[in-house]
Amino acid sequence: MAILLLEDGTVESDFSEIVRELEPIGVYLKHYDPGTSLLFTDFLEQDVLTALEKQYIVELHNSVFEFLQQENGSLWCDLLNVHPGVPNLQMLIDTYSRYHTHTAAEPLYVLAGEMIFGFVTPDGSQVQLLVQSQDYISIPAGVEHWCSLTASLNFKAVRYFTSAEGWLPNYTGTQLSDARQQP
């Protein structure tokens, strides 16, 4: 379940408090445990997936989470599968580990692993959110954020796209606070 690191070093693990802290930014966070991970445990544990395996996971996920697609108005979704052997891993890390915004919302559901998101709050402070398996996060268009893998370099998530452009980053130039640590 999600963990939030505030700029003053406070670590928040109470889910309702995390949701409250993210509210001013407009970030929506929910934890769903439908038990679907039991249906494809082997796929979630393996690094490399074939196109058919990815399609199976997405279709199974969509059958359970059709309401998420409708709720966020997604046009399509795919499976983001990051692991130590993924081609262009460093390019992925470099692309998203700087503060940026998107012209479309960025919703995703974490199937396995974990990822860190950083956000700039309305008062200018910075917070970090660790999302983990079965967390659903939706970052509205225009919200300044960055994301990074944790040391495990493993992350599987269903990404929902609400525009044809997908999630192209628009870099803001905001510097990450010195307190950038893993929650």
C-alpha atoms as a PDB file:
ATOM      1  CA  MET A   1       0.000   0.000   0.000  1.00  0.00           C
ATOM      2  CA  ALA A   2       1.102   3.575  -0.699  1.00  0.00           C
ATOM      3  CA  ILE A   3       3.511   5.541   1.507  1.00  0.00           C
ATOM      4  CA  LEU A   4       3.950   9.338   1.415  1.00  0.00           C
ATOM      5  CA  LEU A   5       7.134  11.239   2.305  1.00  0.00           C
ATOM      6  CA  LEU A   6       6.579  14.913   3.120  1.00  0.00           C
ATOM      7  CA  GLU A   7       9.292  17.502   2.546  1.00  0.00           C
ATOM      8  CA  ASP A   8       9.910  17.843   6.300  1.00  0.00           C
ATOM      9  CA  GLY A   9      10.828  14.133   6.461  1.00  0.00           C
ATOM     10  CA  THR A  10       7.502  12.958   7.887  1.00  0.00           C
ATOM     11  CA  VAL A  11       6.487   9.537   6.566  1.00  0.00           C
ATOM     12  CA  GLU A  12       2.736   8.949   6.246  1.00  0.00           C
ATOM     13  CA  SER A  13       1.412   5.409   5.844  1.00  0.00           C
ATOM     14  CA  ASP A  14      -2.231   5.936   6.838  1.00  0.00           C
ATOM     15  CA  PHE A  15      -4.069   5.697   3.524  1.00  0.00           C
ATOM     16  CA  SER A  16      -6.780   8.233   4.372  1.00  0.00           C
ATOM     17  CA  GLU A  17      -4.107  10.760   5.438  1.00  0.00           C
ATOM     18  CA  ILE A  18      -2.195  10.198   2.200  1.00  0.00           C
ATOM     19  CA  VAL A  19      -5.379  10.816   0.192  1.00  0.00           C
ATOM     20  CA  ARG A  20      -5.988  13.995   2.218  1.00  0.00           C
ATOM     21  CA  GLU A  21      -2.423  15.243   1.588  1.00  0.00           C
ATOM     22  CA  LEU A  22      -2.755  14.631  -2.172  1.00  0.00           C
ATOM     23  CA  GLU A  23      -6.168  16.304  -2.468  1.00  0.00           C
ATOM     24  CA  PRO A  24      -4.851  19.883  -2.997  1.00  0.00           C
ATOM     25  CA  ILE A  25      -2.759  18.633  -5.933  1.00  0.00           C
ATOM     26  CA  GLY A  26      -5.751  16.853  -7.463  1.00  0.00           C
ATOM     27  CA  VAL A  27      -4.043  13.452  -7.427  1.00  0.00           C
ATOM     28  CA  TYR A  28      -6.527  10.630  -6.960  1.00  0.00           C
ATOM     29  CA  LEU A  29      -5.325   7.519  -5.111  1.00  0.00           C
ATOM     30  CA  LYS A  30      -7.261   4.334  -4.391  1.00  0.00           C
ATOM     31  CA  HIS A  31      -6.294   0.821  -3.326  1.00  0.00           C
ATOM     32  CA  TYR A  32      -8.155  -2.024  -5.022  1.00  0.00           C
ATOM     33  CA  ASP A  33      -7.626  -5.652  -4.040  1.00  0.00           C
ATOM     34  CA  PRO A  34      -9.863  -7.702  -6.331  1.00  0.00           C
ATOM     35  CA  GLY A  35      -7.707 -10.815  -6.118  1.00  0.00           C
ATOM     36  CA  THR A  36      -6.893 -10.726  -9.840  1.00  0.00           C
ATOM     37  CA  SER A  37      -3.196 -11.110  -9.053  1.00  0.00           C
ATOM     38  CA  LEU A  38      -3.975 -14.722  -8.159  1.00  0.00           C
ATOM     39  CA  LEU A  39      -5.078 -15.328 -11.758  1.00  0.00           C
ATOM     40  CA  PHE A  40      -1.704 -14.458 -13.281  1.00  0.00           C
ATOM     41  CA  THR A  41       0.841 -14.798 -10.475  1.00  0.00           C
ATOM     42  CA  ASP A  42       3.448 -16.398 -12.760  1.00  0.00           C
ATOM     43  CA  PHE A  43       3.209 -13.531 -15.238  1.00  0.00           C
ATOM     44  CA  LEU A  44       3.649 -10.927 -12.520  1.00  0.00           C
ATOM     45  CA  GLU A  45       6.808 -12.633 -11.262  1.00  0.00           C
ATOM     46  CA  GLN A  46       8.565 -13.036 -14.620  1.00  0.00           C
ATOM     47  CA  ASP A  47      10.546 -10.194 -16.164  1.00  0.00           C
ATOM     48  CA  VAL A  48      10.074 -10.805 -19.867  1.00  0.00           C
ATOM     49  CA  LEU A  49       6.532 -11.175 -21.215  1.00  0.00           C
ATOM     50  CA  THR A  50       5.455 -12.018 -24.744  1.00  0.00           C
ATOM     51  CA  ALA A  51       2.985  -9.803 -26.570  1.00  0.00           C
ATOM     52  CA  LEU A  52       0.293 -12.458 -26.013  1.00  0.00           C
ATOM     53  CA  GLU A  53       1.010 -12.612 -22.279  1.00  0.00           C
ATOM     54  CA  LYS A  54       0.815  -8.819 -22.034  1.00  0.00           C
ATOM     55  CA  GLN A  55      -2.460  -8.838 -23.961  1.00  0.00           C
ATOM     56  CA  TYR A  56      -3.857 -11.548 -21.662  1.00  0.00           C
ATOM     57  CA  ILE A  57      -2.959  -9.547 -18.546  1.00  0.00           C
ATOM     58  CA  VAL A  58      -4.508  -6.345 -19.936  1.00  0.00           C
ATOM     59  CA  GLU A  59      -7.690  -8.136 -21.038  1.00  0.00           C
ATOM     60  CA  LEU A  60      -8.067  -9.879 -17.679  1.00  0.00           C
ATOM     61  CA  HIS A  61      -7.426  -6.612 -15.876  1.00  0.00           C
ATOM     62  CA  ASN A  62      -9.964  -4.805 -18.081  1.00  0.00           C
ATOM     63  CA  SER A  63     -12.632  -7.409 -17.388  1.00  0.00           C
ATOM     64  CA  VAL A  64     -12.353  -6.649 -13.666  1.00  0.00           C
ATOM     65  CA  PHE A  65     -11.629  -2.915 -13.924  1.00  0.00           C
ATOM     66  CA  GLU A  66     -13.873  -1.827 -16.758  1.00  0.00           C
ATOM     67  CA  PHE A  67     -15.245   0.869 -14.442  1.00  0.00           C
ATOM     68  CA  LEU A  68     -11.796   2.506 -14.261  1.00  0.00           C
ATOM     69  CA  GLN A  69     -11.676   2.871 -18.026  1.00  0.00           C
ATOM     70  CA  GLN A  70     -15.114   4.461 -18.016  1.00  0.00           C
ATOM     71  CA  GLU A  71     -14.344   6.615 -14.986  1.00  0.00           C
ATOM     72  CA  ASN A  72     -11.210   8.151 -16.467  1.00  0.00           C
ATOM     73  CA  GLY A  73     -12.462   8.242 -20.071  1.00  0.00           C
ATOM     74  CA  SER A  74      -9.609   6.148 -21.424  1.00  0.00           C
ATOM     75  CA  LEU A  75      -9.363   5.421 -25.120  1.00  0.00           C
ATOM     76  CA  TRP A  76      -7.027   2.459 -24.664  1.00  0.00           C
ATOM     77  CA  CYS A  77      -4.627   0.914 -22.159  1.00  0.00           C
ATOM     78  CA  ASP A  78      -1.441  -1.098 -22.208  1.00  0.00           C
ATOM     79  CA  LEU A  79       0.906  -2.917 -19.854  1.00  0.00           C
ATOM     80  CA  LEU A  80       4.033  -1.114 -18.703  1.00  0.00           C
ATOM     81  CA  ASN A  81       6.544  -3.821 -17.843  1.00  0.00           C
ATOM     82  CA  VAL A  82       9.837  -2.490 -16.490  1.00  0.00           C
ATOM     83  CA  HIS A  83      12.624  -4.788 -15.284  1.00  0.00           C
ATOM     84  CA  PRO A  84      16.446  -4.689 -15.163  1.00  0.00           C
ATOM     85  CA  GLY A  85      16.782  -6.166 -18.660  1.00  0.00           C
ATOM     86  CA  VAL A  86      14.314  -3.918 -20.479  1.00  0.00           C
ATOM     87  CA  PRO A  87      15.849  -2.207 -23.533  1.00  0.00           C
ATOM     88  CA  ASN A  88      16.463   1.531 -23.063  1.00  0.00           C
ATOM     89  CA  LEU A  89      15.967   1.323 -19.279  1.00  0.00           C
ATOM     90  CA  GLN A  90      18.249   4.300 -18.640  1.00  0.00           C
ATOM     91  CA  MET A  91      16.399   6.362 -21.259  1.00  0.00           C
ATOM     92  CA  LEU A  92      13.077   5.609 -19.508  1.00  0.00           C
ATOM     93  CA  ILE A  93      14.537   6.613 -16.157  1.00  0.00           C
ATOM     94  CA  ASP A  94      16.026   9.834 -17.572  1.00  0.00           C
ATOM     95  CA  THR A  95      12.804  10.762 -19.402  1.00  0.00           C
ATOM     96  CA  TYR A  96      10.498  10.661 -16.393  1.00  0.00           C
ATOM     97  CA  SER A  97      12.787  11.401 -13.428  1.00  0.00           C
ATOM     98  CA  ARG A  98      12.620  15.174 -14.028  1.00  0.00           C
ATOM     99  CA  TYR A  99       9.672  17.378 -13.159  1.00  0.00           C
ATOM    100  CA  HIS A 100       7.179  17.503 -15.999  1.00  0.00           C
ATOM    101  CA  THR A 101       3.493  17.778 -16.796  1.00  0.00           C
ATOM    102  CA  HIS A 102       1.250  16.100 -19.353  1.00  0.00           C
ATOM    103  CA  THR A 103      -1.574  17.541 -21.447  1.00  0.00           C
ATOM    104  CA  ALA A 104      -3.697  14.509 -20.526  1.00  0.00           C
ATOM    105  CA  ALA A 105      -4.403  12.741 -17.264  1.00  0.00           C
ATOM    106  CA  GLU A 106      -1.996   9.962 -16.254  1.00  0.00           C
ATOM    107  CA  PRO A 107      -3.962   7.131 -14.633  1.00  0.00           C
ATOM    108  CA  LEU A 108      -2.401   3.763 -13.869  1.00  0.00           C
ATOM    109  CA  TYR A 109      -3.057   0.643 -11.822  1.00  0.00           C
ATOM    110  CA  VAL A 110      -0.055  -1.118 -10.274  1.00  0.00           C
ATOM    111  CA  LEU A 111      -0.100  -4.878 -10.773  1.00  0.00           C
ATOM    112  CA  ALA A 112       3.320  -5.657  -9.284  1.00  0.00           C
ATOM    113  CA  GLY A 113       6.395  -3.890  -7.974  1.00  0.00           C
ATOM    114  CA  GLU A 114       6.583  -0.272  -6.914  1.00  0.00           C
ATOM    115  CA  MET A 115       7.338   3.204  -8.210  1.00  0.00           C
ATOM    116  CA  ILE A 116       7.965   6.613  -6.665  1.00  0.00           C
ATOM    117  CA  PHE A 117       6.159   9.757  -7.806  1.00  0.00           C
ATOM    118  CA  GLY A 118       7.205  13.226  -6.731  1.00  0.00           C
ATOM    119  CA  PHE A 119       4.817  16.192  -6.733  1.00  0.00           C
ATOM    120  CA  VAL A 120       4.998  19.939  -6.203  1.00  0.00           C
ATOM    121  CA  THR A 121       2.251  21.047  -3.799  1.00  0.00           C
ATOM    122  CA  PRO A 122       0.373  24.363  -4.074  1.00  0.00           C
ATOM    123  CA  ASP A 123       2.639  25.893  -1.380  1.00  0.00           C
ATOM    124  CA  GLY A 124       5.746  24.937  -3.401  1.00  0.00           C
ATOM    125  CA  SER A 125       6.876  22.085  -1.170  1.00  0.00           C
ATOM    126  CA  GLN A 126       7.619  18.686  -2.633  1.00  0.00           C
ATOM    127  CA  VAL A 127       6.241  15.306  -1.582  1.00  0.00           C
ATOM    128  CA  GLN A 128       7.049  11.780  -2.692  1.00  0.00           C
ATOM    129  CA  LEU A 129       4.569   8.949  -3.042  1.00  0.00           C
ATOM    130  CA  LEU A 130       5.545   5.301  -3.181  1.00  0.00           C
ATOM    131  CA  VAL A 131       2.851   3.332  -5.019  1.00  0.00           C
ATOM    132  CA  GLN A 132       2.771  -0.432  -4.786  1.00  0.00           C
ATOM    133  CA  SER A 133       0.829  -3.428  -6.017  1.00  0.00           C
ATOM    134  CA  GLN A 134      -2.942  -2.836  -6.205  1.00  0.00           C
ATOM    135  CA  ASP A 135      -2.652   0.957  -5.926  1.00  0.00           C
ATOM    136  CA  TYR A 136      -4.485   3.031  -8.530  1.00  0.00           C
ATOM    137  CA  ILE A 137      -3.262   6.575  -9.115  1.00  0.00           C
ATOM    138  CA  SER A 138      -4.591   9.225 -11.444  1.00  0.00           C
ATOM    139  CA  ILE A 139      -2.530  12.366 -11.973  1.00  0.00           C
ATOM    140  CA  PRO A 140      -4.569  15.139 -13.619  1.00  0.00           C
ATOM    141  CA  ALA A 141      -3.319  16.939 -16.718  1.00  0.00           C
ATOM    142  CA  GLY A 142      -1.009  19.815 -15.826  1.00  0.00           C
ATOM    143  CA  VAL A 143       0.086  18.495 -12.419  1.00  0.00           C
ATOM    144  CA  GLU A 144       3.832  18.888 -11.972  1.00  0.00           C
ATOM    145  CA  HIS A 145       5.446  15.551 -11.107  1.00  0.00           C
ATOM    146  CA  TRP A 146       8.299  13.116 -11.711  1.00  0.00           C
ATOM    147  CA  CYS A 147       8.529   9.363 -11.311  1.00  0.00           C
ATOM    148  CA  SER A 148      11.272   6.873 -10.719  1.00  0.00           C
ATOM    149  CA  LEU A 149      11.741   3.191 -10.185  1.00  0.00           C
ATOM    150  CA  THR A 150      12.832   1.891  -6.814  1.00  0.00           C
ATOM    151  CA  ALA A 151      16.058  -0.099  -6.395  1.00  0.00           C
ATOM    152  CA  SER A 152      14.266  -3.313  -7.401  1.00  0.00           C
ATOM    153  CA  LEU A 153      13.819  -1.963 -10.956  1.00  0.00           C
ATOM    154  CA  ASN A 154      10.609  -3.980 -11.246  1.00  0.00           C
ATOM    155  CA  PHE A 155       7.256  -2.453 -12.053  1.00  0.00           C
ATOM    156  CA  LYS A 156       4.181  -3.707 -13.891  1.00  0.00           C
ATOM    157  CA  ALA A 157       1.192  -1.445 -14.354  1.00  0.00           C
ATOM    158  CA  VAL A 158      -1.767  -0.979 -16.633  1.00  0.00           C
ATOM    159  CA  ARG A 159      -1.581   2.515 -18.126  1.00  0.00           C
ATOM    160  CA  TYR A 160      -4.743   4.237 -19.320  1.00  0.00           C
ATOM    161  CA  PHE A 161      -4.525   6.736 -22.166  1.00  0.00           C
ATOM    162  CA  THR A 162      -7.151   9.453 -22.538  1.00  0.00           C
ATOM    163  CA  SER A 163      -5.674  11.154 -25.613  1.00  0.00           C
ATOM    164  CA  ALA A 164      -3.933  10.137 -28.804  1.00  0.00           C
ATOM    165  CA  GLU A 165      -0.696  11.784 -27.653  1.00  0.00           C
ATOM    166  CA  GLY A 166      -0.350   9.469 -24.677  1.00  0.00           C
ATOM    167  CA  TRP A 167       1.844  10.722 -21.878  1.00  0.00           C
ATOM    168  CA  LEU A 168       4.400  12.952 -23.561  1.00  0.00           C
ATOM    169  CA  PRO A 169       6.346  14.870 -20.882  1.00  0.00           C
ATOM    170  CA  ASN A 170       6.505  18.675 -20.917  1.00  0.00           C
ATOM    171  CA  TYR A 171       9.509  19.508 -18.708  1.00  0.00           C
ATOM    172  CA  THR A 172       9.023  22.348 -16.241  1.00  0.00           C
ATOM    173  CA  GLY A 173      12.602  22.951 -15.062  1.00  0.00           C
ATOM    174  CA  THR A 174      11.650  22.660 -11.396  1.00  0.00           C
ATOM    175  CA  GLN A 175      14.579  21.286  -9.419  1.00  0.00           C
ATOM    176  CA  LEU A 176      14.029  18.274  -7.219  1.00  0.00           C
ATOM    177  CA  SER A 177      14.343  19.074  -3.533  1.00  0.00           C
ATOM    178  CA  ASP A 178      17.460  17.882  -1.732  1.00  0.00           C
ATOM    179  CA  ALA A 179      15.211  15.650   0.351  1.00  0.00           C
ATOM    180  CA  ARG A 180      14.613  13.281  -2.613  1.00  0.00           C
ATOM    181  CA  GLN A 181      14.809   9.933  -0.898  1.00  0.00           C
ATOM    182  CA  GLN A 182      12.961   6.704  -1.214  1.00  0.00           C
ATOM    183  CA  PRO A 183       9.999   6.597   1.207  1.00  0.00           C
END
